[in-house]
Protein backbone atom coordinates (compact mmCIF):
# COMPACT_ATOMS: atom_id res chain seq x y z
CA MET A 1 -66.21 -32.88 -85.28
CA PHE A 2 -67.29 -34.78 -88.44
CA GLN A 3 -65.62 -36.60 -91.30
CA HIS A 4 -67.20 -38.60 -94.14
CA PRO A 5 -66.22 -42.25 -93.61
CA ASP A 6 -64.53 -42.45 -97.04
CA LEU A 7 -62.30 -39.42 -96.41
CA PRO A 8 -58.79 -40.55 -95.45
CA ASP A 9 -57.17 -39.15 -92.31
CA PHE A 10 -54.78 -36.52 -93.60
CA ASP A 11 -52.17 -35.02 -91.29
CA GLU A 12 -51.21 -31.38 -91.08
CA GLY A 13 -48.91 -30.73 -94.04
CA ASP A 14 -50.68 -33.30 -96.27
CA GLY A 15 -52.29 -30.58 -98.40
CA GLU A 16 -51.01 -31.97 -101.70
CA LYS A 17 -52.09 -35.53 -100.80
CA CYS A 18 -55.53 -34.21 -99.88
CA LYS A 19 -55.85 -32.26 -103.15
CA ALA A 20 -54.78 -35.36 -105.11
CA TRP A 21 -57.37 -37.51 -103.32
CA ILE A 22 -60.12 -34.96 -104.02
CA ALA A 23 -59.16 -34.90 -107.71
CA GLU A 24 -59.05 -38.73 -107.88
CA GLN A 25 -62.58 -38.84 -106.45
CA GLY A 26 -63.83 -36.35 -109.04
CA LEU A 27 -64.95 -33.90 -106.37
CA GLN A 28 -65.41 -30.16 -106.21
CA VAL A 29 -64.90 -28.87 -102.65
CA ILE A 30 -65.95 -25.55 -101.14
CA MET A 31 -64.88 -24.59 -97.64
CA ILE A 32 -67.28 -22.61 -95.47
CA GLU A 33 -65.90 -21.06 -92.26
CA LEU A 34 -68.04 -20.73 -89.14
CA GLU A 35 -66.48 -17.29 -88.55
CA THR A 36 -67.91 -15.85 -91.78
CA ASP A 37 -70.92 -18.13 -92.32
CA ALA A 38 -72.68 -18.29 -88.96
CA PRO A 39 -74.89 -15.56 -87.49
CA VAL A 40 -72.99 -13.32 -85.05
CA GLU A 41 -74.54 -14.94 -81.98
CA ILE A 42 -73.46 -18.42 -83.12
CA ALA A 43 -69.92 -17.26 -83.96
CA ASP A 44 -69.68 -15.40 -80.64
CA ARG A 45 -70.95 -18.47 -78.78
CA TYR A 46 -68.18 -20.58 -80.28
CA PHE A 47 -65.30 -18.11 -80.05
CA GLU A 48 -66.14 -16.92 -76.53
CA SER A 49 -66.25 -20.44 -75.13
CA ASP A 50 -63.37 -22.80 -74.56
CA ASP A 51 -65.50 -25.65 -75.84
CA PRO A 52 -64.61 -27.19 -79.24
CA ASP A 53 -68.24 -28.26 -79.75
CA CYS A 54 -69.82 -26.48 -82.72
CA SER A 55 -72.69 -28.92 -83.28
CA TYR A 56 -75.19 -26.04 -83.04
CA TRP A 57 -73.72 -24.52 -86.26
CA GLU A 58 -75.61 -25.45 -89.41
CA PRO A 59 -73.25 -24.50 -92.27
CA ASN A 60 -74.94 -22.98 -95.29
CA ARG A 61 -74.96 -25.30 -98.28
CA PRO A 62 -73.50 -23.82 -101.49
CA ASP A 63 -75.87 -23.03 -104.35
CA GLY A 64 -76.49 -25.82 -106.81
CA GLU A 65 -77.28 -29.50 -106.72
CA GLY A 66 -75.50 -32.49 -105.23
CA TRP A 67 -73.62 -30.95 -102.31
CA PHE A 68 -72.86 -33.16 -99.29
CA CYS A 69 -70.85 -32.55 -96.14
CA LEU A 70 -67.41 -34.09 -96.55
CA ALA A 71 -66.03 -32.85 -93.23
CA ILE A 72 -66.31 -30.33 -90.43
CA HIS A 73 -63.02 -29.78 -88.68
CA ASP A 74 -61.12 -27.21 -86.68
CA SER A 75 -58.66 -24.84 -88.33
CA ASP A 76 -56.50 -21.98 -87.11
CA ASP A 77 -59.51 -19.70 -87.72
CA GLY A 78 -62.13 -21.96 -86.13
CA PRO A 79 -64.43 -24.65 -87.55
CA VAL A 80 -64.61 -25.17 -91.31
CA CYS A 81 -67.17 -27.18 -93.28
CA TRP A 82 -66.02 -28.89 -96.46
CA TRP A 83 -68.95 -29.20 -98.85
CA ALA A 84 -68.31 -31.52 -101.79
CA ARG A 85 -70.06 -32.69 -104.93
CA ARG A 86 -69.15 -34.82 -107.90
CA VAL A 87 -67.76 -32.88 -110.82
CA VAL A 88 -69.97 -33.20 -113.87
CA THR A 89 -67.91 -34.19 -116.88
CA PRO A 90 -69.24 -33.50 -120.39
C-alpha cells in the first residue's frame, strides 16, 4: 500500500510506540476507513475481490488545511488511510 518515507515501520502491537512517534513529530492523525469512506461500488469492489490492491480508492481528505497522507495500510476491517497534519501550537 503506501507509507510516508519518514514513518518508521511499526509492528503489530507497537501502538504505544506509534502514538509516541506521532506526538514527537507534532502531528494530528485522523484515520479514514475504506469501508465507511468509499462509495458502495468501490467498497464492494475491494471486499468482493481477493486482491489487496486498493489503488482505485481516493480517501476523502479531512476538513481543514495542511493534511497529507501519512499511510494507507491494511487493517482487520480493510484499508485505512492515515491523514496527518502538523499541530498548530499557540
